[in-house]
C-alpha atoms as a PDB file:
ATOM      1  CA  MET A   1     -20.117  -8.612  -0.492  1.00  0.00           C
ATOM      2  CA  THR A   2     -22.125  -8.526   2.753  1.00  0.00           C
ATOM      3  CA  ARG A   3     -20.643 -11.850   3.823  1.00  0.00           C
ATOM      4  CA  LEU A   4     -17.152 -10.506   3.079  1.00  0.00           C
ATOM      5  CA  LEU A   5     -17.682  -7.388   5.186  1.00  0.00           C
ATOM      6  CA  HIS A   6     -19.120  -9.471   8.034  1.00  0.00           C
ATOM      7  CA  ALA A   7     -16.101 -11.785   7.936  1.00  0.00           C
ATOM      8  CA  LEU A   8     -13.737  -8.809   7.966  1.00  0.00           C
ATOM      9  CA  TRP A   9     -15.286  -7.154  11.004  1.00  0.00           C
ATOM     10  CA  ARG A  10     -14.970 -10.389  12.988  1.00  0.00           C
ATOM     11  CA  GLN A  11     -11.186 -10.115  12.710  1.00  0.00           C
ATOM     12  CA  LYS A  12      -9.389  -8.074  15.394  1.00  0.00           C
ATOM     13  CA  LYS A  13      -6.428  -7.353  13.143  1.00  0.00           C
ATOM     14  CA  VAL A  14      -8.508  -5.469  10.603  1.00  0.00           C
ATOM     15  CA  THR A  15     -10.023  -3.292  13.358  1.00  0.00           C
ATOM     16  CA  ILE A  16      -6.564  -2.277  14.573  1.00  0.00           C
ATOM     17  CA  GLY A  17      -5.332  -1.755  11.020  1.00  0.00           C
ATOM     18  CA  ILE A  18      -8.294   0.407  10.017  1.00  0.00           C
ATOM     19  CA  ALA A  19      -7.919   2.463  13.218  1.00  0.00           C
ATOM     20  CA  ILE A  20      -4.253   3.165  12.427  1.00  0.00           C
ATOM     21  CA  VAL A  21      -4.963   4.113   8.811  1.00  0.00           C
ATOM     22  CA  LEU A  22      -7.926   6.299   9.789  1.00  0.00           C
ATOM     23  CA  ALA A  23      -5.735   8.072  12.350  1.00  0.00           C
ATOM     24  CA  PHE A  24      -3.245   8.943   9.616  1.00  0.00           C
ATOM     25  CA  ILE A  25      -6.066  10.114   7.340  1.00  0.00           C
ATOM     26  CA  VAL A  26      -7.375  12.403  10.094  1.00  0.00           C
ATOM     27  CA  ILE A  27      -3.860  13.764  10.662  1.00  0.00           C
ATOM     28  CA  ALA A  28      -3.469  14.430   6.940  1.00  0.00           C
ATOM     29  CA  LEU A  29      -6.831  16.191   6.629  1.00  0.00           C
ATOM     30  CA  ALA A  30      -6.366  18.245   9.807  1.00  0.00           C
ATOM     31  CA  ALA A  31      -2.718  19.157   9.140  1.00  0.00           C
ATOM     32  CA  PRO A  32      -3.362  22.931   8.834  1.00  0.00           C
ATOM     33  CA  VAL A  33      -5.155  22.884  12.192  1.00  0.00           C
ATOM     34  CA  ILE A  34      -3.081  20.530  14.351  1.00  0.00           C
ATOM     35  CA  ALA A  35       0.431  21.372  13.100  1.00  0.00           C
ATOM     36  CA  PRO A  36       1.966  23.742  15.680  1.00  0.00           C
ATOM     37  CA  TYR A  37       4.248  25.524  13.180  1.00  0.00           C
ATOM     38  CA  ASP A  38       4.775  26.114   9.497  1.00  0.00           C
ATOM     39  CA  PRO A  39       6.729  23.032   8.379  1.00  0.00           C
ATOM     40  CA  LEU A  40       9.180  25.126   6.330  1.00  0.00           C
ATOM     41  CA  ALA A  41       9.679  27.911   8.877  1.00  0.00           C
ATOM     42  CA  ARG A  42      12.721  28.143  11.151  1.00  0.00           C
ATOM     43  CA  VAL A  43      11.233  28.118  14.630  1.00  0.00           C
ATOM     44  CA  GLY A  44      14.063  26.806  16.804  1.00  0.00           C
ATOM     45  CA  ARG A  45      17.772  26.158  17.135  1.00  0.00           C
ATOM     46  CA  PRO A  46      19.442  23.672  14.755  1.00  0.00           C
ATOM     47  CA  HIS A  47      19.034  20.058  15.866  1.00  0.00           C
ATOM     48  CA  GLU A  48      17.265  20.949  19.080  1.00  0.00           C
ATOM     49  CA  ALA A  49      16.401  17.812  21.060  1.00  0.00           C
ATOM     50  CA  PRO A  50      12.752  16.940  21.812  1.00  0.00           C
ATOM     51  CA  SER A  51      11.323  19.244  24.446  1.00  0.00           C
ATOM     52  CA  ALA A  52       8.046  20.727  25.658  1.00  0.00           C
ATOM     53  CA  GLU A  53       8.293  23.404  22.976  1.00  0.00           C
ATOM     54  CA  HIS A  54       9.243  21.037  20.147  1.00  0.00           C
ATOM     55  CA  TRP A  55       7.907  17.586  20.972  1.00  0.00           C
ATOM     56  CA  LEU A  56       9.920  15.791  18.273  1.00  0.00           C
ATOM     57  CA  GLY A  57      12.861  18.190  18.135  1.00  0.00           C
ATOM     58  CA  THR A  58      14.028  20.301  15.209  1.00  0.00           C
ATOM     59  CA  THR A  59      15.977  19.750  11.993  1.00  0.00           C
ATOM     60  CA  ARG A  60      19.427  21.075  11.095  1.00  0.00           C
ATOM     61  CA  VAL A  61      17.898  24.363   9.967  1.00  0.00           C
ATOM     62  CA  GLY A  62      15.597  24.664  12.980  1.00  0.00           C
ATOM     63  CA  ARG A  63      12.326  23.405  11.492  1.00  0.00           C
ATOM     64  CA  ASP A  64       9.829  21.685  13.785  1.00  0.00           C
ATOM     65  CA  MET A  65       9.883  17.909  13.262  1.00  0.00           C
ATOM     66  CA  LEU A  66       6.321  17.356  14.501  1.00  0.00           C
ATOM     67  CA  SER A  67       4.958  19.869  11.995  1.00  0.00           C
ATOM     68  CA  GLN A  68       6.987  18.284   9.203  1.00  0.00           C
ATOM     69  CA  MET A  69       5.753  14.808  10.145  1.00  0.00           C
ATOM     70  CA  ILE A  70       2.118  15.987  10.157  1.00  0.00           C
ATOM     71  CA  TRP A  71       2.382  17.755   6.787  1.00  0.00           C
ATOM     72  CA  GLY A  72       4.475  14.903   5.412  1.00  0.00           C
ATOM     73  CA  THR A  73       1.614  12.548   6.254  1.00  0.00           C
ATOM     74  CA  ARG A  74      -0.608  14.476   3.858  1.00  0.00           C
ATOM     75  CA  THR A  75       1.870  14.191   0.964  1.00  0.00           C
ATOM     76  CA  SER A  76       2.941  10.574   1.475  1.00  0.00           C
ATOM     77  CA  LEU A  77      -0.576   9.322   2.198  1.00  0.00           C
ATOM     78  CA  PHE A  78      -1.988  11.160  -0.828  1.00  0.00           C
ATOM     79  CA  VAL A  79       0.588   9.547  -3.114  1.00  0.00           C
ATOM     80  CA  GLY A  80      -0.061   6.142  -1.528  1.00  0.00           C
ATOM     81  CA  LEU A  81      -3.856   6.293  -1.787  1.00  0.00           C
ATOM     82  CA  ILE A  82      -4.068   7.829  -5.263  1.00  0.00           C
ATOM     83  CA  GLY A  83      -1.178   5.776  -6.615  1.00  0.00           C
ATOM     84  CA  GLY A  84      -2.533   2.555  -5.132  1.00  0.00           C
ATOM     85  CA  LEU A  85      -6.019   3.265  -6.482  1.00  0.00           C
ATOM     86  CA  VAL A  86      -4.758   3.993 -10.012  1.00  0.00           C
ATOM     87  CA  ILE A  87      -2.500   0.910  -9.981  1.00  0.00           C
ATOM     88  CA  THR A  88      -5.383  -1.281  -8.837  1.00  0.00           C
ATOM     89  CA  VAL A  89      -7.845   0.113 -11.385  1.00  0.00           C
ATOM     90  CA  LEU A  90      -5.404  -0.360 -14.268  1.00  0.00           C
ATOM     91  CA  GLY A  91      -4.486  -3.877 -13.179  1.00  0.00           C
ATOM     92  CA  THR A  92      -8.114  -4.881 -12.633  1.00  0.00           C
ATOM     93  CA  VAL A  93      -9.277  -3.527 -15.999  1.00  0.00           C
ATOM     94  CA  VAL A  94      -6.443  -5.172 -17.932  1.00  0.00           C
ATOM     95  CA  GLY A  95      -6.893  -8.470 -16.077  1.00  0.00           C
ATOM     96  CA  LEU A  96     -10.663  -8.500 -16.545  1.00  0.00           C
ATOM     97  CA  ILE A  97     -10.512  -7.726 -20.257  1.00  0.00           C
ATOM     98  CA  GLY A  98      -7.794 -10.263 -20.963  1.00  0.00           C
ATOM     99  CA  GLY A  99      -9.280 -13.006 -18.813  1.00  0.00           C
ATOM    100  CA  TYR A 100     -12.835 -12.609 -20.073  1.00  0.00           C
ATOM    101  CA  ARG A 101     -12.260 -11.946 -23.768  1.00  0.00           C
ATOM    102  CA  GLY A 102      -9.419 -14.445 -24.285  1.00  0.00           C
ATOM    103  CA  GLY A 103      -8.010 -15.047 -27.758  1.00  0.00           C
ATOM    104  CA  LYS A 104      -5.841 -12.411 -29.414  1.00  0.00           C
ATOM    105  CA  VAL A 105      -6.939  -9.701 -26.978  1.00  0.00           C
ATOM    106  CA  ASP A 106      -5.687 -11.789 -24.080  1.00  0.00           C
ATOM    107  CA  ASP A 107      -2.450 -12.600 -25.936  1.00  0.00           C
ATOM    108  CA  VAL A 108      -1.683  -8.934 -26.572  1.00  0.00           C
ATOM    109  CA  LEU A 109      -2.480  -7.846 -23.007  1.00  0.00           C
ATOM    110  CA  ASP A 110      -0.578 -10.792 -21.552  1.00  0.00           C
ATOM    111  CA  LEU A 111       2.454  -9.892 -23.673  1.00  0.00           C
ATOM    112  CA  ALA A 112       2.308  -6.269 -22.504  1.00  0.00           C
ATOM    113  CA  THR A 113       1.999  -7.451 -18.896  1.00  0.00           C
ATOM    114  CA  ASN A 114       4.998  -9.745 -19.217  1.00  0.00           C
ATOM    115  CA  VAL A 115       7.102  -7.035 -20.861  1.00  0.00           C
ATOM    116  CA  VAL A 116       6.494  -4.620 -17.980  1.00  0.00           C
ATOM    117  CA  LEU A 117       6.995  -7.400 -15.414  1.00  0.00           C
ATOM    118  CA  VAL A 118      10.475  -8.357 -16.619  1.00  0.00           C
ATOM    119  CA  ILE A 119      11.733  -4.766 -16.394  1.00  0.00           C
ATOM    120  CA  PRO A 120      13.327  -4.107 -12.949  1.00  0.00           C
ATOM    121  CA  ASN A 121      10.793  -1.882 -11.250  1.00  0.00           C
ATOM    122  CA  LEU A 122      12.886   0.258  -8.914  1.00  0.00           C
ATOM    123  CA  PRO A 123      15.647   1.021 -11.462  1.00  0.00           C
ATOM    124  CA  LEU A 124      12.949   1.982 -13.965  1.00  0.00           C
ATOM    125  CA  LEU A 125      11.350   4.298 -11.400  1.00  0.00           C
ATOM    126  CA  ILE A 126      14.714   5.931 -10.718  1.00  0.00           C
ATOM    127  CA  VAL A 127      15.470   6.379 -14.433  1.00  0.00           C
ATOM    128  CA  LEU A 128      12.060   7.913 -15.143  1.00  0.00           C
ATOM    129  CA  ALA A 129      12.266  10.197 -12.105  1.00  0.00           C
ATOM    130  CA  ALA A 130      15.778  11.295 -13.106  1.00  0.00           C
ATOM    131  CA  PHE A 131      14.576  11.988 -16.654  1.00  0.00           C
ATOM    132  CA  ILE A 132      11.706  14.150 -15.391  1.00  0.00           C
ATOM    133  CA  GLY A 133      13.943  15.983 -12.915  1.00  0.00           C
ATOM    134  CA  ASN A 134      12.323  17.323  -9.751  1.00  0.00           C
ATOM    135  CA  ALA A 135       9.282  15.064  -9.922  1.00  0.00           C
ATOM    136  CA  GLY A 136       6.187  16.430  -8.238  1.00  0.00           C
ATOM    137  CA  ILE A 137       3.368  14.434  -6.674  1.00  0.00           C
ATOM    138  CA  GLY A 138       1.498  14.043  -9.961  1.00  0.00           C
ATOM    139  CA  ALA A 139       4.601  12.830 -11.778  1.00  0.00           C
ATOM    140  CA  ILE A 140       5.397  10.288  -9.060  1.00  0.00           C
ATOM    141  CA  VAL A 141       1.837   8.936  -9.132  1.00  0.00           C
ATOM    142  CA  ALA A 142       1.991   8.643 -12.929  1.00  0.00           C
ATOM    143  CA  ILE A 143       5.340   6.836 -12.807  1.00  0.00           C
ATOM    144  CA  LEU A 144       4.061   4.402 -10.184  1.00  0.00           C
ATOM    145  CA  ALA A 145       0.860   3.731 -12.121  1.00  0.00           C
ATOM    146  CA  LEU A 146       2.636   3.075 -15.421  1.00  0.00           C
ATOM    147  CA  THR A 147       5.184   0.673 -13.947  1.00  0.00           C
ATOM    148  CA  SER A 148       3.307  -1.196 -11.204  1.00  0.00           C
ATOM    149  CA  TRP A 149      -0.027  -2.402 -12.644  1.00  0.00           C
ATOM    150  CA  PRO A 150       1.068  -5.823 -14.049  1.00  0.00           C
ATOM    151  CA  TRP A 151       1.091  -7.673 -10.701  1.00  0.00           C
ATOM    152  CA  GLY A 152      -2.574  -6.971 -10.067  1.00  0.00           C
ATOM    153  CA  ALA A 153      -3.420  -7.650 -13.717  1.00  0.00           C
ATOM    154  CA  ARG A 154      -1.771 -11.082 -13.544  1.00  0.00           C
ATOM    155  CA  VAL A 155      -3.752 -12.170 -10.479  1.00  0.00           C
ATOM    156  CA  THR A 156      -7.043 -10.717 -11.755  1.00  0.00           C
ATOM    157  CA  ARG A 157      -6.604 -12.384 -15.153  1.00  0.00           C
ATOM    158  CA  ALA A 158      -5.952 -15.792 -13.588  1.00  0.00           C
ATOM    159  CA  GLN A 159      -9.048 -15.563 -11.398  1.00  0.00           C
ATOM    160  CA  THR A 160     -11.186 -14.255 -14.278  1.00  0.00           C
ATOM    161  CA  LEU A 161     -10.121 -17.190 -16.467  1.00  0.00           C
ATOM    162  CA  THR A 162     -11.447 -19.502 -13.760  1.00  0.00           C
ATOM    163  CA  LEU A 163     -14.694 -17.629 -13.176  1.00  0.00           C
ATOM    164  CA  ARG A 164     -15.708 -17.269 -16.820  1.00  0.00           C
ATOM    165  CA  HIS A 165     -16.256 -21.032 -17.067  1.00  0.00           C
ATOM    166  CA  ARG A 166     -18.445 -21.236 -13.953  1.00  0.00           C
ATOM    167  CA  GLU A 167     -22.078 -22.236 -14.329  1.00  0.00           C
ATOM    168  CA  PHE A 168     -23.567 -18.904 -13.251  1.00  0.00           C
ATOM    169  CA  VAL A 169     -21.437 -17.011 -15.787  1.00  0.00           C
ATOM    170  CA  LEU A 170     -22.307 -19.429 -18.602  1.00  0.00           C
ATOM    171  CA  ALA A 171     -26.005 -19.190 -17.674  1.00  0.00           C
ATOM    172  CA  ALA A 172     -25.882 -15.387 -17.809  1.00  0.00           C
ATOM    173  CA  ARG A 173     -24.288 -15.495 -21.248  1.00  0.00           C
ATOM    174  CA  LEU A 174     -26.807 -18.047 -22.505  1.00  0.00           C
ATOM    175  CA  VAL A 175     -29.779 -15.888 -21.542  1.00  0.00           C
ATOM    176  CA  GLY A 176     -28.288 -13.024 -23.543  1.00  0.00           C
ATOM    177  CA  GLU A 177     -26.937 -10.783 -20.787  1.00  0.00           C
ATOM    178  CA  PRO A 178     -24.677  -8.020 -22.207  1.00  0.00           C
ATOM    179  CA  THR A 179     -20.950  -8.299 -21.619  1.00  0.00           C
ATOM    180  CA  TRP A 180     -20.798  -5.352 -19.228  1.00  0.00           C
ATOM    181  CA  ARG A 181     -23.458  -6.921 -17.025  1.00  0.00           C
ATOM    182  CA  VAL A 182     -21.821 -10.355 -17.017  1.00  0.00           C
ATOM    183  CA  VAL A 183     -18.494  -8.830 -16.015  1.00  0.00           C
ATOM    184  CA  GLY A 184     -19.879  -6.235 -13.607  1.00  0.00           C
ATOM    185  CA  VAL A 185     -22.568  -8.319 -11.888  1.00  0.00           C
ATOM    186  CA  GLU A 186     -21.421 -11.926 -12.156  1.00  0.00           C
ATOM    187  CA  ILE A 187     -17.609 -11.796 -12.194  1.00  0.00           C
ATOM    188  CA  LEU A 188     -16.515  -8.564 -10.505  1.00  0.00           C
ATOM    189  CA  PRO A 189     -18.199  -9.198  -7.104  1.00  0.00           C
ATOM    190  CA  ASN A 190     -16.392 -12.540  -6.894  1.00  0.00           C
ATOM    191  CA  LEU A 191     -13.101 -10.680  -7.309  1.00  0.00           C
ATOM    192  CA  ALA A 192     -13.750  -8.334  -4.369  1.00  0.00           C
ATOM    193  CA  SER A 193     -11.254  -9.973  -2.013  1.00  0.00           C
ATOM    194  CA  ILE A 194      -8.538 -10.159  -4.697  1.00  0.00           C
ATOM    195  CA  ILE A 195      -9.074  -6.518  -5.664  1.00  0.00           C
ATOM    196  CA  GLY A 196      -8.988  -5.504  -2.004  1.00  0.00           C
ATOM    197  CA  ILE A 197      -5.687  -7.314  -1.489  1.00  0.00           C
ATOM    198  CA  ASN A 198      -4.265  -5.686  -4.631  1.00  0.00           C
ATOM    199  CA  LEU A 199      -5.419  -2.254  -3.464  1.00  0.00           C
ATOM    200  CA  VAL A 200      -3.874  -2.476  -0.005  1.00  0.00           C
ATOM    201  CA  GLY A 201      -0.663  -3.978  -1.364  1.00  0.00           C
ATOM    202  CA  SER A 202      -0.458  -1.262  -4.025  1.00  0.00           C
ATOM    203  CA  ILE A 203      -0.916   1.477  -1.409  1.00  0.00           C
ATOM    204  CA  ILE A 204       1.930   0.025   0.662  1.00  0.00           C
ATOM    205  CA  TYR A 205       4.133  -0.205  -2.407  1.00  0.00           C
ATOM    206  CA  ALA A 206       3.276   3.337  -3.550  1.00  0.00           C
ATOM    207  CA  VAL A 207       4.146   4.828  -0.147  1.00  0.00           C
ATOM    208  CA  ILE A 208       7.461   2.965   0.015  1.00  0.00           C
ATOM    209  CA  ALA A 209       8.330   3.798  -3.609  1.00  0.00           C
ATOM    210  CA  GLN A 210       7.546   7.479  -3.099  1.00  0.00           C
ATOM    211  CA  VAL A 211       9.650   7.586   0.073  1.00  0.00           C
ATOM    212  CA  THR A 212      12.501   5.821  -1.752  1.00  0.00           C
ATOM    213  CA  LEU A 213      12.442   8.222  -4.705  1.00  0.00           C
ATOM    214  CA  GLU A 214      12.433  11.295  -2.485  1.00  0.00           C
ATOM    215  CA  TYR A 215      15.081   9.827  -0.186  1.00  0.00           C
ATOM    216  CA  LEU A 216      17.300   9.463  -3.270  1.00  0.00           C
ATOM    217  CA  GLY A 217      16.669  13.121  -4.127  1.00  0.00           C
ATOM    218  CA  PHE A 218      14.293  12.757  -7.082  1.00  0.00           C
ATOM    219  CA  GLY A 219      11.306  14.539  -5.558  1.00  0.00           C
ATOM    220  CA  ASP A 220      10.267  18.163  -5.356  1.00  0.00           C
ATOM    221  CA  PRO A 221      12.805  19.938  -3.071  1.00  0.00           C
ATOM    222  CA  LEU A 222      10.093  22.311  -1.804  1.00  0.00           C
ATOM    223  CA  SER A 223       7.665  19.550  -0.780  1.00  0.00           C
ATOM    224  CA  VAL A 224       7.268  18.202   2.743  1.00  0.00           C
ATOM    225  CA  SER A 225       7.067  14.423   2.891  1.00  0.00           C
ATOM    226  CA  TRP A 226       8.541  11.544   4.848  1.00  0.00           C
ATOM    227  CA  GLY A 227      10.983  10.775   2.048  1.00  0.00           C
ATOM    228  CA  ARG A 228      12.153  14.407   1.884  1.00  0.00           C
ATOM    229  CA  MET A 229      12.606  14.375   5.677  1.00  0.00           C
ATOM    230  CA  LEU A 230      14.893  11.339   5.389  1.00  0.00           C
ATOM    231  CA  TYR A 231      16.780  12.977   2.502  1.00  0.00           C
ATOM    232  CA  ASN A 232      17.374  16.127   4.555  1.00  0.00           C
ATOM    233  CA  ALA A 233      18.400  14.088   7.595  1.00  0.00           C
ATOM    234  CA  GLN A 234      20.932  12.187   5.520  1.00  0.00           C
ATOM    235  CA  ASN A 235      22.419  15.406   4.116  1.00  0.00           C
ATOM    236  CA  ALA A 236      22.579  16.818   7.638  1.00  0.00           C
ATOM    237  CA  SER A 237      24.461  13.722   8.935  1.00  0.00           C
ATOM    238  CA  ALA A 238      21.816  13.405  11.639  1.00  0.00           C
ATOM    239  CA  ILE A 239      23.109  10.102  12.994  1.00  0.00           C
ATOM    240  CA  THR A 240      26.698  11.340  13.124  1.00  0.00           C
ATOM    241  CA  VAL A 241      25.812  14.425  15.165  1.00  0.00           C
ATOM    242  CA  GLY A 242      23.446  12.484  17.445  1.00  0.00           C
ATOM    243  CA  ALA A 243      20.180  13.939  16.146  1.00  0.00           C
ATOM    244  CA  TRP A 244      18.400  10.562  16.246  1.00  0.00           C
ATOM    245  CA  TRP A 245      14.962  12.173  16.207  1.00  0.00           C
ATOM    246  CA  ASP A 246      15.660  13.478  12.702  1.00  0.00           C
ATOM    247  CA  ILE A 247      15.701   9.883  11.436  1.00  0.00           C
ATOM    248  CA  LEU A 248      13.352   8.237  13.923  1.00  0.00           C
ATOM    249  CA  THR A 249      10.333  10.484  13.279  1.00  0.00           C
ATOM    250  CA  PRO A 250       9.762   9.709   9.566  1.00  0.00           C
ATOM    251  CA  CYS A 251      10.837   6.078  10.007  1.00  0.00           C
ATOM    252  CA  ALA A 252       8.325   5.563  12.831  1.00  0.00           C
ATOM    253  CA  ALA A 253       5.543   7.146  10.757  1.00  0.00           C
ATOM    254  CA  ILE A 254       6.348   4.926   7.756  1.00  0.00           C
ATOM    255  CA  ALA A 255       6.525   1.797   9.928  1.00  0.00           C
ATOM    256  CA  LEU A 256       3.258   2.557  11.733  1.00  0.00           C
ATOM    257  CA  LEU A 257       1.335   3.224   8.516  1.00  0.00           C
ATOM    258  CA  GLY A 258       2.848   0.083   6.986  1.00  0.00           C
ATOM    259  CA  LEU A 259       1.741  -1.899  10.034  1.00  0.00           C
ATOM    260  CA  GLY A 260      -1.847  -0.677   9.726  1.00  0.00           C
ATOM    261  CA  LEU A 261      -2.013  -1.484   6.019  1.00  0.00           C
ATOM    262  CA  ALA A 262      -0.312  -4.855   6.540  1.00  0.00           C
ATOM    263  CA  LEU A 263      -2.874  -5.855   9.192  1.00  0.00           C
ATOM    264  CA  ILE A 264      -5.678  -5.047   6.763  1.00  0.00           C
ATOM    265  CA  ASN A 265      -3.901  -6.968   4.008  1.00  0.00           C
ATOM    266  CA  PHE A 266      -3.345 -10.021   6.226  1.00  0.00           C
ATOM    267  CA  THR A 267      -7.032 -10.055   7.150  1.00  0.00           C
ATOM    268  CA  LEU A 268      -8.100  -9.863   3.506  1.00  0.00           C
ATOM    269  CA  ASP A 269      -5.745 -12.757   2.750  1.00  0.00           C
ATOM    270  CA  GLU A 270      -7.305 -14.821   5.527  1.00  0.00           C
ATOM    271  CA  VAL A 271     -10.842 -14.060   4.373  1.00  0.00           C
ATOM    272  CA  ALA A 272      -9.974 -14.952   0.789  1.00  0.00           C
ATOM    273  CA  ASN A 273      -8.106 -18.105   1.836  1.00  0.00           C
ATOM    274  CA  PRO A 274      -9.298 -19.581   5.178  1.00  0.00           C
ATOM    275  CA  GLN A 275      -6.280 -21.920   5.260  1.00  0.00           C
ATOM    276  CA  LEU A 276      -4.115 -18.893   6.076  1.00  0.00           C
ATOM    277  CA  ARG A 277      -5.923 -18.200   9.347  1.00  0.00           C
ATOM    278  CA  SER A 278      -3.235 -18.720  11.954  1.00  0.00           C
ATOM    279  CA  GLY A 279      -5.579 -19.042  14.928  1.00  0.00           C
ATOM    280  CA  PRO A 280      -7.506 -22.203  13.958  1.00  0.00           C
ATOM    281  CA  ALA A 281      -4.440 -23.742  12.323  1.00  0.00           C
ATOM    282  CA  LEU A 282      -2.336 -23.180  15.428  1.00  0.00           C
ATOM    283  CA  THR A 283      -5.069 -24.636  17.653  1.00  0.00           C
ATOM    284  CA  ARG A 284      -5.340 -27.756  15.490  1.00  0.00           C
ATOM    285  CA  TRP A 285      -1.566 -28.168  15.522  1.00  0.00           C
ATOM    286  CA  LEU A 286      -1.389 -27.897  19.316  1.00  0.00           C
ATOM    287  CA  ARG A 287      -4.197 -30.440  19.710  1.00  0.00           C
ATOM    288  CA  LEU A 288      -2.399 -32.817  17.360  1.00  0.00           C
ATOM    289  CA  VAL A 289       0.872 -32.483  19.299  1.00  0.00           C
ATOM    290  CA  ASP A 290      -0.913 -33.032  22.600  1.00  0.00           C
ATOM    291  CA  ARG A 291      -2.720 -36.126  21.280  1.00  0.00           C
ATOM    292  CA  ARG A 292       0.484 -37.663  19.961  1.00  0.00           C
ATOM    293  CA  ARG A 293       2.205 -36.957  23.265  1.00  0.00           C
ATOM    294  CA  ARG A 294      -0.545 -38.804  25.133  1.00  0.00           C
ATOM    295  CA  GLU A 295      -0.356 -41.725  22.712  1.00  0.00           C
ATOM    296  CA  ARG A 296       3.385 -42.091  23.268  1.00  0.00           C
ATOM    297  CA  LYS A 297       3.084 -41.931  27.054  1.00  0.00           C
ATOM    298  CA  PRO A 298       3.413 -45.475  28.533  1.00  0.00           C
ATOM    299  CA  ALA A 299       0.354 -46.911  30.229  1.00  0.00           C
END
């Protein structure tokens, strides 16, 4: 674990990614303090362009876009973090149990994983959200957790199947170590990079899925989130009337958070698989091209 953290901090991408994500977390936590207005209050003229009074303009009903973006960060980030954490925990537990126990337990869990995998995810999310009605934050997190865990379970199971036959795991079992200690001390630390990748990927997916559901109108109409902002902008024909800030503000927030999480995810991928590191690979490729060019040059 120490070696993993040391390798992560040597990467510039992860520093930038963590800084972006931490900035959004600070915005979400400090929303009541830094938001200039109540996000649901009418504080300006309809579709007022960005100005000194309203930095990001106003909506069709005169609500401050900056305040809505700040409060929307709290909702969307909460769903992403909690949803991603629950998805990762479920996938890791199912993958660990199936990969370590094997036999009929693995067959049953693998069958359940495959059944959920073959069901189209987004249509299932839409159907469940439509069945619930105006889905709140808790309902959206539950829907995401119940439909999105198999991807992490599949990867964790495959890696666990490999690790359980390693010498250090067999030695721990031979000396009579209990199952929980073998899994928690011998196997789980070796899955840290895989679990980290699953966690970051699940957070990205949860944010995008929540925005998609609310953009389609399946969220709580009284909530303030990036997806609800896009839904309201669409109903207000923001692009048609030239209110570009109504669309740009939530889209920029989603893209920036996605960039920060993607940088962290890319770094975890590179740490887990050194062959993916673009810097050394690109340097070797350039050296090879230069050497072949010199060899072809006539004497």
